[in-house]
């Protein structure tokens, strides 16, 4: 790969959990994401838990964008009546990273079978910053963070910053 496609840059991450039932103590998926980021040398600057509410998700996202260039939002990406993370976030994307959701579902197929199609995982760029929306299960956040986000975040932010 052309070295110009990856610049040396500081990644400041934010982790937002969308859940009407989790608290700071019970947010295992958020803790997994933070731990994986830390293992990769990435500082988490912004943490939050919000209920399944378009307005509250957007408010927390906008707050996170002030200090972070990579936000990982977990939860609220399914098909139930209250899942609204995608509806809250995708309209704000200036560029969508279509391959992120596609690869997440492809990799999930090995772990959860054809129910992977129920995931609406998504990624995009807002204000030259990367935003990822992933399911909130422990397995899903581990897969997305370890196998997709961490290997490509520098590459993504390099292109987004041009």
N, C-alpha and C. Protein backbone atom coordinates (compact mmCIF):
# COMPACT_ATOMS: atom_id res chain seq x y z
N UNK A 1 0.83 -1.17 0.00
CA UNK A 1 0.00 0.00 0.00
C UNK A 1 0.88 1.24 0.00
N UNK A 2 0.46 2.23 -0.73
CA UNK A 2 1.15 3.50 -0.82
C UNK A 2 1.22 4.13 0.58
N UNK A 3 2.43 4.45 1.07
CA UNK A 3 2.56 5.03 2.41
C UNK A 3 1.78 6.34 2.58
N UNK A 4 1.51 7.04 1.49
CA UNK A 4 0.75 8.28 1.58
C UNK A 4 -0.69 8.04 2.00
N UNK A 5 -1.15 6.80 1.94
CA UNK A 5 -2.52 6.47 2.32
C UNK A 5 -2.68 6.34 3.83
N UNK A 6 -1.57 6.38 4.55
CA UNK A 6 -1.62 6.30 6.01
C UNK A 6 -0.68 7.35 6.59
N UNK A 7 -1.25 8.36 7.20
CA UNK A 7 -0.45 9.40 7.82
C UNK A 7 -0.32 9.11 9.32
N UNK A 8 0.75 9.63 9.88
CA UNK A 8 0.90 9.54 11.33
C UNK A 8 -0.09 10.54 11.93
N UNK A 9 -1.00 10.03 12.72
CA UNK A 9 -1.96 10.92 13.35
C UNK A 9 -2.41 10.34 14.67
N UNK A 10 -2.86 11.22 15.53
CA UNK A 10 -3.34 10.80 16.84
C UNK A 10 -4.83 10.48 16.74
N UNK A 11 -5.17 9.30 17.20
CA UNK A 11 -6.57 8.89 17.19
C UNK A 11 -7.14 9.11 18.59
N UNK A 12 -8.21 9.85 18.64
CA UNK A 12 -8.93 10.07 19.89
C UNK A 12 -10.32 9.48 19.69
N UNK A 13 -10.63 8.50 20.49
CA UNK A 13 -11.86 7.74 20.28
C UNK A 13 -12.95 8.12 21.27
N UNK A 14 -14.16 7.86 20.82
CA UNK A 14 -15.33 7.97 21.68
C UNK A 14 -16.13 6.69 21.56
N UNK A 15 -16.74 6.28 22.64
CA UNK A 15 -17.56 5.07 22.65
C UNK A 15 -18.92 5.45 23.23
N UNK A 16 -19.95 5.21 22.45
CA UNK A 16 -21.32 5.51 22.87
C UNK A 16 -22.11 4.22 22.84
N UNK A 17 -22.74 3.89 23.93
CA UNK A 17 -23.61 2.72 24.01
C UNK A 17 -25.05 3.20 23.97
N UNK A 18 -25.82 2.62 23.05
CA UNK A 18 -27.24 2.93 22.94
C UNK A 18 -28.00 1.79 23.60
N UNK A 19 -28.65 2.10 24.70
CA UNK A 19 -29.40 1.09 25.43
C UNK A 19 -30.32 1.76 26.43
N UNK A 20 -31.51 1.23 26.53
CA UNK A 20 -32.45 1.75 27.53
C UNK A 20 -32.35 0.96 28.83
N UNK A 21 -31.47 -0.06 28.87
CA UNK A 21 -31.40 -0.90 30.07
C UNK A 21 -30.00 -0.96 30.69
N UNK A 22 -28.96 -0.56 29.98
CA UNK A 22 -27.61 -0.67 30.53
C UNK A 22 -27.22 0.57 31.31
N UNK A 23 -26.33 0.35 32.26
CA UNK A 23 -25.75 1.44 33.05
C UNK A 23 -24.24 1.37 32.90
N UNK A 24 -23.55 2.30 33.51
CA UNK A 24 -22.08 2.28 33.47
C UNK A 24 -21.54 0.95 34.00
N UNK A 25 -22.19 0.42 35.03
CA UNK A 25 -21.74 -0.85 35.61
C UNK A 25 -22.03 -2.05 34.73
N UNK A 26 -23.13 -2.03 33.99
CA UNK A 26 -23.54 -3.20 33.21
C UNK A 26 -23.22 -3.09 31.73
N UNK A 27 -22.52 -2.06 31.31
CA UNK A 27 -22.21 -1.85 29.90
C UNK A 27 -20.98 -2.66 29.49
N UNK A 28 -21.14 -3.97 29.35
CA UNK A 28 -20.01 -4.82 29.01
C UNK A 28 -19.48 -4.55 27.60
N UNK A 29 -20.36 -4.27 26.66
CA UNK A 29 -19.89 -4.03 25.28
C UNK A 29 -19.06 -2.76 25.19
N UNK A 30 -19.49 -1.71 25.86
CA UNK A 30 -18.70 -0.48 25.86
C UNK A 30 -17.33 -0.69 26.47
N UNK A 31 -17.29 -1.47 27.54
CA UNK A 31 -16.01 -1.76 28.20
C UNK A 31 -15.09 -2.57 27.29
N UNK A 32 -15.65 -3.48 26.52
CA UNK A 32 -14.83 -4.27 25.58
C UNK A 32 -14.21 -3.36 24.53
N UNK A 33 -15.02 -2.46 23.96
CA UNK A 33 -14.50 -1.55 22.93
C UNK A 33 -13.36 -0.71 23.51
N UNK A 34 -13.57 -0.13 24.69
CA UNK A 34 -12.54 0.70 25.33
C UNK A 34 -11.27 -0.11 25.55
N UNK A 35 -11.41 -1.35 26.01
CA UNK A 35 -10.23 -2.19 26.26
C UNK A 35 -9.48 -2.50 24.97
N UNK A 36 -10.21 -2.80 23.91
CA UNK A 36 -9.56 -3.09 22.62
C UNK A 36 -8.86 -1.85 22.07
N UNK A 37 -9.48 -0.70 22.20
CA UNK A 37 -8.85 0.54 21.77
C UNK A 37 -7.58 0.79 22.58
N UNK A 38 -7.66 0.60 23.89
CA UNK A 38 -6.51 0.82 24.77
C UNK A 38 -5.36 -0.10 24.37
N UNK A 39 -5.67 -1.38 24.11
CA UNK A 39 -4.63 -2.34 23.68
C UNK A 39 -3.93 -1.87 22.42
N UNK A 40 -4.66 -1.14 21.57
CA UNK A 40 -4.08 -0.63 20.32
C UNK A 40 -3.42 0.73 20.50
N UNK A 41 -3.38 1.22 21.74
CA UNK A 41 -2.75 2.50 22.01
C UNK A 41 -3.61 3.70 21.72
N UNK A 42 -4.92 3.50 21.65
CA UNK A 42 -5.84 4.58 21.34
C UNK A 42 -6.55 5.03 22.62
N UNK A 43 -6.49 6.31 22.87
CA UNK A 43 -7.11 6.90 24.05
C UNK A 43 -8.60 7.12 23.80
N UNK A 44 -9.40 6.78 24.80
CA UNK A 44 -10.85 7.04 24.72
C UNK A 44 -11.11 8.36 25.44
N UNK A 45 -11.52 9.35 24.67
CA UNK A 45 -11.75 10.70 25.19
C UNK A 45 -13.20 10.95 25.60
N UNK A 46 -14.11 10.14 25.08
CA UNK A 46 -15.53 10.40 25.28
C UNK A 46 -16.26 9.08 25.50
N UNK A 47 -17.02 8.99 26.58
CA UNK A 47 -17.82 7.81 26.88
C UNK A 47 -19.24 8.25 27.20
N UNK A 48 -20.21 7.45 26.76
CA UNK A 48 -21.58 7.78 27.10
C UNK A 48 -22.52 6.62 26.89
N UNK A 49 -23.62 6.66 27.61
CA UNK A 49 -24.71 5.70 27.42
C UNK A 49 -25.97 6.53 27.23
N UNK A 50 -26.69 6.24 26.16
CA UNK A 50 -27.94 6.95 25.87
C UNK A 50 -29.04 5.95 25.57
N UNK A 51 -30.28 6.32 25.84
CA UNK A 51 -31.40 5.43 25.49
C UNK A 51 -31.66 5.43 23.99
N UNK A 52 -32.52 4.55 23.57
CA UNK A 52 -32.90 4.45 22.16
C UNK A 52 -33.77 5.65 21.80
N UNK A 53 -33.12 6.75 21.50
CA UNK A 53 -33.80 8.01 21.18
C UNK A 53 -32.97 8.74 20.13
N UNK A 54 -33.57 9.03 19.00
CA UNK A 54 -32.83 9.70 17.92
C UNK A 54 -32.21 11.00 18.42
N UNK A 55 -32.98 11.81 19.12
CA UNK A 55 -32.46 13.09 19.60
C UNK A 55 -31.29 12.92 20.57
N UNK A 56 -31.40 11.97 21.49
CA UNK A 56 -30.33 11.78 22.48
C UNK A 56 -29.08 11.15 21.85
N UNK A 57 -29.27 10.26 20.89
CA UNK A 57 -28.12 9.68 20.18
C UNK A 57 -27.39 10.78 19.43
N UNK A 58 -28.12 11.61 18.71
CA UNK A 58 -27.48 12.70 17.95
C UNK A 58 -26.77 13.68 18.88
N UNK A 59 -27.39 14.01 20.00
CA UNK A 59 -26.78 14.94 20.95
C UNK A 59 -25.45 14.38 21.47
N UNK A 60 -25.43 13.10 21.83
CA UNK A 60 -24.21 12.47 22.33
C UNK A 60 -23.16 12.38 21.22
N UNK A 61 -23.58 12.07 19.99
CA UNK A 61 -22.67 12.01 18.85
C UNK A 61 -22.03 13.37 18.60
N UNK A 62 -22.82 14.40 18.56
CA UNK A 62 -22.30 15.75 18.31
C UNK A 62 -21.32 16.16 19.41
N UNK A 63 -21.64 15.82 20.63
CA UNK A 63 -20.74 16.09 21.76
C UNK A 63 -19.41 15.34 21.57
N UNK A 64 -19.49 14.08 21.17
CA UNK A 64 -18.28 13.28 20.95
C UNK A 64 -17.41 13.78 19.82
N UNK A 65 -18.04 14.33 18.79
CA UNK A 65 -17.29 14.83 17.64
C UNK A 65 -16.42 16.05 18.01
N UNK A 66 -16.73 16.70 19.10
CA UNK A 66 -15.95 17.87 19.52
C UNK A 66 -14.54 17.49 19.96
N UNK A 67 -14.37 16.28 20.50
CA UNK A 67 -13.06 15.89 21.02
C UNK A 67 -12.48 14.64 20.37
N UNK A 68 -13.25 13.96 19.52
CA UNK A 68 -12.82 12.67 18.96
C UNK A 68 -12.81 12.69 17.44
N UNK A 69 -11.91 11.90 16.87
CA UNK A 69 -11.92 11.72 15.41
C UNK A 69 -12.36 10.30 15.02
N UNK A 70 -12.72 9.50 16.00
CA UNK A 70 -13.25 8.15 15.76
C UNK A 70 -14.30 7.86 16.84
N UNK A 71 -15.53 7.65 16.41
CA UNK A 71 -16.59 7.32 17.35
C UNK A 71 -17.15 5.95 17.01
N UNK A 72 -17.31 5.13 18.04
CA UNK A 72 -17.91 3.81 17.88
C UNK A 72 -19.19 3.81 18.70
N UNK A 73 -20.30 3.67 17.99
CA UNK A 73 -21.61 3.64 18.63
C UNK A 73 -22.10 2.20 18.58
N UNK A 74 -22.38 1.63 19.75
CA UNK A 74 -22.83 0.24 19.78
C UNK A 74 -24.24 0.16 20.34
N UNK A 75 -25.03 -0.70 19.72
CA UNK A 75 -26.40 -0.92 20.13
C UNK A 75 -27.38 -0.15 19.26
N UNK A 76 -28.61 -0.63 19.24
CA UNK A 76 -29.67 0.05 18.51
C UNK A 76 -29.63 -0.08 17.01
N UNK A 77 -28.91 -1.10 16.51
CA UNK A 77 -28.76 -1.25 15.05
C UNK A 77 -29.63 -2.35 14.47
N UNK A 78 -30.47 -2.95 15.29
CA UNK A 78 -31.27 -4.08 14.83
C UNK A 78 -32.58 -3.66 14.19
N UNK A 79 -33.55 -4.57 14.24
CA UNK A 79 -34.82 -4.37 13.55
C UNK A 79 -36.01 -4.17 14.47
N UNK A 80 -35.78 -4.11 15.79
CA UNK A 80 -36.92 -3.94 16.68
C UNK A 80 -37.49 -2.53 16.56
N UNK A 81 -38.68 -2.34 17.09
CA UNK A 81 -39.36 -1.06 16.95
C UNK A 81 -38.59 0.10 17.59
N UNK A 82 -37.78 -0.19 18.61
CA UNK A 82 -37.06 0.91 19.27
C UNK A 82 -35.62 1.09 18.78
N UNK A 83 -35.11 0.22 17.92
CA UNK A 83 -33.76 0.37 17.37
C UNK A 83 -33.74 1.57 16.42
N UNK A 84 -32.98 2.60 16.79
CA UNK A 84 -33.00 3.83 15.97
C UNK A 84 -31.62 4.46 15.79
N UNK A 85 -30.55 3.73 16.10
CA UNK A 85 -29.21 4.29 15.93
C UNK A 85 -28.95 4.66 14.47
N UNK A 86 -29.29 3.80 13.56
CA UNK A 86 -29.04 4.07 12.14
C UNK A 86 -29.83 5.29 11.68
N UNK A 87 -31.09 5.37 12.11
CA UNK A 87 -31.92 6.52 11.74
C UNK A 87 -31.37 7.82 12.31
N UNK A 88 -30.72 7.74 13.47
CA UNK A 88 -30.15 8.93 14.11
C UNK A 88 -28.85 9.36 13.43
N UNK A 89 -28.03 8.40 13.02
CA UNK A 89 -26.66 8.71 12.60
C UNK A 89 -26.50 8.83 11.08
N UNK A 90 -27.04 7.90 10.32
CA UNK A 90 -26.78 7.91 8.88
C UNK A 90 -27.15 9.21 8.17
N UNK A 91 -28.22 9.90 8.54
CA UNK A 91 -28.51 11.17 7.86
C UNK A 91 -27.41 12.22 8.05
N UNK A 92 -26.56 12.04 9.04
CA UNK A 92 -25.48 12.99 9.30
C UNK A 92 -24.21 12.65 8.52
N UNK A 93 -24.14 11.45 7.94
CA UNK A 93 -22.96 11.05 7.18
C UNK A 93 -22.78 11.96 5.96
N UNK A 94 -21.57 12.47 5.80
CA UNK A 94 -21.21 13.20 4.58
C UNK A 94 -20.74 12.20 3.52
N UNK A 95 -20.13 11.13 3.96
CA UNK A 95 -19.72 10.00 3.12
C UNK A 95 -20.05 8.74 3.89
N UNK A 96 -20.59 7.75 3.22
CA UNK A 96 -20.88 6.47 3.85
C UNK A 96 -19.77 5.49 3.47
N UNK A 97 -19.35 4.68 4.43
CA UNK A 97 -18.36 3.63 4.18
C UNK A 97 -19.15 2.34 4.00
N UNK A 98 -19.66 2.14 2.79
CA UNK A 98 -20.53 0.99 2.52
C UNK A 98 -19.87 -0.34 2.87
N UNK A 99 -18.59 -0.45 2.56
CA UNK A 99 -17.89 -1.70 2.80
C UNK A 99 -17.83 -2.11 4.26
N UNK A 100 -17.92 -1.16 5.18
CA UNK A 100 -17.87 -1.50 6.59
C UNK A 100 -19.03 -2.42 6.98
N UNK A 101 -20.23 -2.01 6.68
CA UNK A 101 -21.40 -2.84 7.00
C UNK A 101 -21.39 -4.16 6.26
N UNK A 102 -20.97 -4.10 5.00
CA UNK A 102 -20.93 -5.32 4.19
C UNK A 102 -19.94 -6.32 4.78
N UNK A 103 -18.74 -5.85 5.12
CA UNK A 103 -17.74 -6.75 5.70
C UNK A 103 -18.15 -7.24 7.08
N UNK A 104 -18.78 -6.38 7.87
CA UNK A 104 -19.23 -6.81 9.19
C UNK A 104 -20.22 -7.96 9.05
N UNK A 105 -21.19 -7.82 8.16
CA UNK A 105 -22.17 -8.90 7.98
C UNK A 105 -21.52 -10.16 7.41
N UNK A 106 -20.57 -10.00 6.51
CA UNK A 106 -19.87 -11.16 5.96
C UNK A 106 -19.11 -11.91 7.05
N UNK A 107 -18.37 -11.18 7.87
CA UNK A 107 -17.61 -11.81 8.96
C UNK A 107 -18.55 -12.39 10.02
N UNK A 108 -19.68 -11.73 10.25
CA UNK A 108 -20.65 -12.22 11.24
C UNK A 108 -21.30 -13.52 10.80
N UNK A 109 -21.38 -13.74 9.51
CA UNK A 109 -21.99 -14.96 8.98
C UNK A 109 -21.34 -16.20 9.58
N UNK A 110 -20.03 -16.18 9.73
CA UNK A 110 -19.31 -17.32 10.31
C UNK A 110 -19.67 -17.54 11.78
N UNK A 111 -19.99 -16.46 12.48
CA UNK A 111 -20.27 -16.55 13.91
C UNK A 111 -21.73 -16.79 14.24
N UNK A 112 -22.64 -16.14 13.50
CA UNK A 112 -24.06 -16.20 13.87
C UNK A 112 -24.95 -16.73 12.75
N UNK A 113 -24.35 -17.14 11.66
CA UNK A 113 -25.15 -17.68 10.56
C UNK A 113 -25.92 -16.59 9.83
N UNK A 114 -27.00 -17.02 9.19
CA UNK A 114 -27.74 -16.09 8.34
C UNK A 114 -28.45 -14.98 9.12
N UNK A 115 -28.51 -15.08 10.43
CA UNK A 115 -29.09 -13.96 11.19
C UNK A 115 -28.22 -12.72 11.10
N UNK A 116 -27.03 -12.84 10.52
CA UNK A 116 -26.17 -11.67 10.28
C UNK A 116 -26.88 -10.63 9.43
N UNK A 117 -27.82 -11.08 8.60
CA UNK A 117 -28.52 -10.13 7.73
C UNK A 117 -29.40 -9.16 8.53
N UNK A 118 -29.70 -9.45 9.78
CA UNK A 118 -30.51 -8.56 10.60
C UNK A 118 -29.74 -7.35 11.10
N UNK A 119 -28.43 -7.39 11.01
CA UNK A 119 -27.60 -6.27 11.46
C UNK A 119 -27.61 -5.15 10.43
N UNK A 120 -27.76 -3.96 10.93
CA UNK A 120 -27.66 -2.79 10.05
C UNK A 120 -26.39 -2.01 10.34
N UNK A 121 -25.31 -2.71 10.71
CA UNK A 121 -24.03 -2.05 10.99
C UNK A 121 -23.69 -1.10 9.86
N UNK A 122 -23.12 0.04 10.23
CA UNK A 122 -22.88 1.08 9.25
C UNK A 122 -21.68 1.92 9.67
N UNK A 123 -21.06 2.56 8.71
CA UNK A 123 -19.95 3.46 9.00
C UNK A 123 -19.97 4.62 8.05
N UNK A 124 -19.40 5.73 8.48
CA UNK A 124 -19.35 6.89 7.61
C UNK A 124 -18.45 7.98 8.17
N UNK A 125 -18.42 9.07 7.43
CA UNK A 125 -17.58 10.22 7.78
C UNK A 125 -18.48 11.41 8.08
N UNK A 126 -18.20 12.05 9.21
CA UNK A 126 -18.85 13.30 9.60
C UNK A 126 -17.75 14.27 10.01
N UNK A 127 -17.69 15.42 9.37
CA UNK A 127 -16.69 16.44 9.71
C UNK A 127 -15.27 15.88 9.67
N UNK A 128 -14.98 15.05 8.68
CA UNK A 128 -13.66 14.43 8.49
C UNK A 128 -13.31 13.45 9.60
N UNK A 129 -14.33 12.96 10.32
CA UNK A 129 -14.13 12.02 11.42
C UNK A 129 -14.90 10.75 11.13
N UNK A 130 -14.37 9.62 11.60
CA UNK A 130 -14.99 8.32 11.33
C UNK A 130 -16.00 7.98 12.42
N UNK A 131 -17.17 7.51 11.98
CA UNK A 131 -18.22 7.09 12.90
C UNK A 131 -18.68 5.70 12.49
N UNK A 132 -18.71 4.79 13.46
CA UNK A 132 -19.14 3.42 13.21
C UNK A 132 -20.32 3.09 14.10
N UNK A 133 -21.34 2.48 13.52
CA UNK A 133 -22.52 2.02 14.26
C UNK A 133 -22.53 0.50 14.18
N UNK A 134 -22.45 -0.14 15.35
CA UNK A 134 -22.35 -1.59 15.38
C UNK A 134 -23.34 -2.17 16.39
N UNK A 135 -23.70 -3.43 16.21
CA UNK A 135 -24.57 -4.06 17.21
C UNK A 135 -23.91 -4.05 18.58
N UNK A 136 -24.73 -4.19 19.62
CA UNK A 136 -24.23 -4.06 20.98
C UNK A 136 -23.88 -5.34 21.70
N UNK A 137 -23.92 -6.47 21.02
CA UNK A 137 -23.53 -7.70 21.70
C UNK A 137 -22.01 -7.74 21.88
N UNK A 138 -21.56 -8.45 22.89
CA UNK A 138 -20.12 -8.54 23.14
C UNK A 138 -19.37 -9.11 21.95
N UNK A 139 -19.93 -10.13 21.32
CA UNK A 139 -19.28 -10.73 20.16
C UNK A 139 -19.19 -9.76 19.00
N UNK A 140 -20.27 -9.01 18.77
CA UNK A 140 -20.30 -8.07 17.65
C UNK A 140 -19.30 -6.93 17.84
N UNK A 141 -19.22 -6.38 19.05
CA UNK A 141 -18.29 -5.27 19.26
C UNK A 141 -16.84 -5.74 19.17
N UNK A 142 -16.59 -6.96 19.62
CA UNK A 142 -15.24 -7.50 19.51
C UNK A 142 -14.87 -7.69 18.05
N UNK A 143 -15.75 -8.30 17.28
CA UNK A 143 -15.50 -8.53 15.86
C UNK A 143 -15.28 -7.21 15.12
N UNK A 144 -16.19 -6.28 15.27
CA UNK A 144 -16.10 -5.02 14.54
C UNK A 144 -14.86 -4.22 14.92
N UNK A 145 -14.59 -4.13 16.21
CA UNK A 145 -13.46 -3.32 16.66
C UNK A 145 -12.13 -3.96 16.28
N UNK A 146 -11.99 -5.23 16.61
CA UNK A 146 -10.71 -5.92 16.40
C UNK A 146 -10.41 -6.16 14.92
N UNK A 147 -11.40 -6.59 14.16
CA UNK A 147 -11.13 -7.04 12.79
C UNK A 147 -11.40 -6.01 11.70
N UNK A 148 -12.15 -4.96 12.01
CA UNK A 148 -12.47 -3.98 10.97
C UNK A 148 -12.01 -2.56 11.33
N UNK A 149 -12.39 -2.08 12.49
CA UNK A 149 -12.09 -0.69 12.83
C UNK A 149 -10.60 -0.48 13.08
N UNK A 150 -10.01 -1.25 13.98
CA UNK A 150 -8.60 -1.04 14.32
C UNK A 150 -7.64 -1.21 13.14
N UNK A 151 -7.82 -2.23 12.30
CA UNK A 151 -6.88 -2.37 11.18
C UNK A 151 -6.95 -1.23 10.16
N UNK A 152 -8.07 -0.53 10.06
CA UNK A 152 -8.23 0.47 9.00
C UNK A 152 -8.43 1.90 9.47
N UNK A 153 -8.47 2.16 10.77
CA UNK A 153 -8.82 3.50 11.22
C UNK A 153 -7.85 4.57 10.74
N UNK A 154 -6.56 4.30 10.76
CA UNK A 154 -5.60 5.30 10.29
C UNK A 154 -5.81 5.55 8.80
N UNK A 155 -6.01 4.50 8.04
CA UNK A 155 -6.25 4.62 6.60
C UNK A 155 -7.51 5.46 6.34
N UNK A 156 -8.57 5.14 7.06
CA UNK A 156 -9.85 5.86 6.90
C UNK A 156 -9.67 7.34 7.22
N UNK A 157 -9.05 7.63 8.37
CA UNK A 157 -8.89 9.03 8.77
C UNK A 157 -7.94 9.80 7.87
N UNK A 158 -6.95 9.11 7.32
CA UNK A 158 -6.06 9.77 6.37
C UNK A 158 -6.84 10.25 5.15
N UNK A 159 -7.68 9.37 4.61
CA UNK A 159 -8.49 9.76 3.44
C UNK A 159 -9.54 10.79 3.82
N UNK A 160 -10.16 10.62 4.96
CA UNK A 160 -11.22 11.55 5.37
C UNK A 160 -10.68 12.96 5.59
N UNK A 161 -9.41 13.04 6.00
CA UNK A 161 -8.81 14.33 6.30
C UNK A 161 -8.31 15.10 5.09
N UNK A 162 -8.36 14.48 3.91
CA UNK A 162 -7.85 15.16 2.70
C UNK A 162 -8.87 16.12 2.15
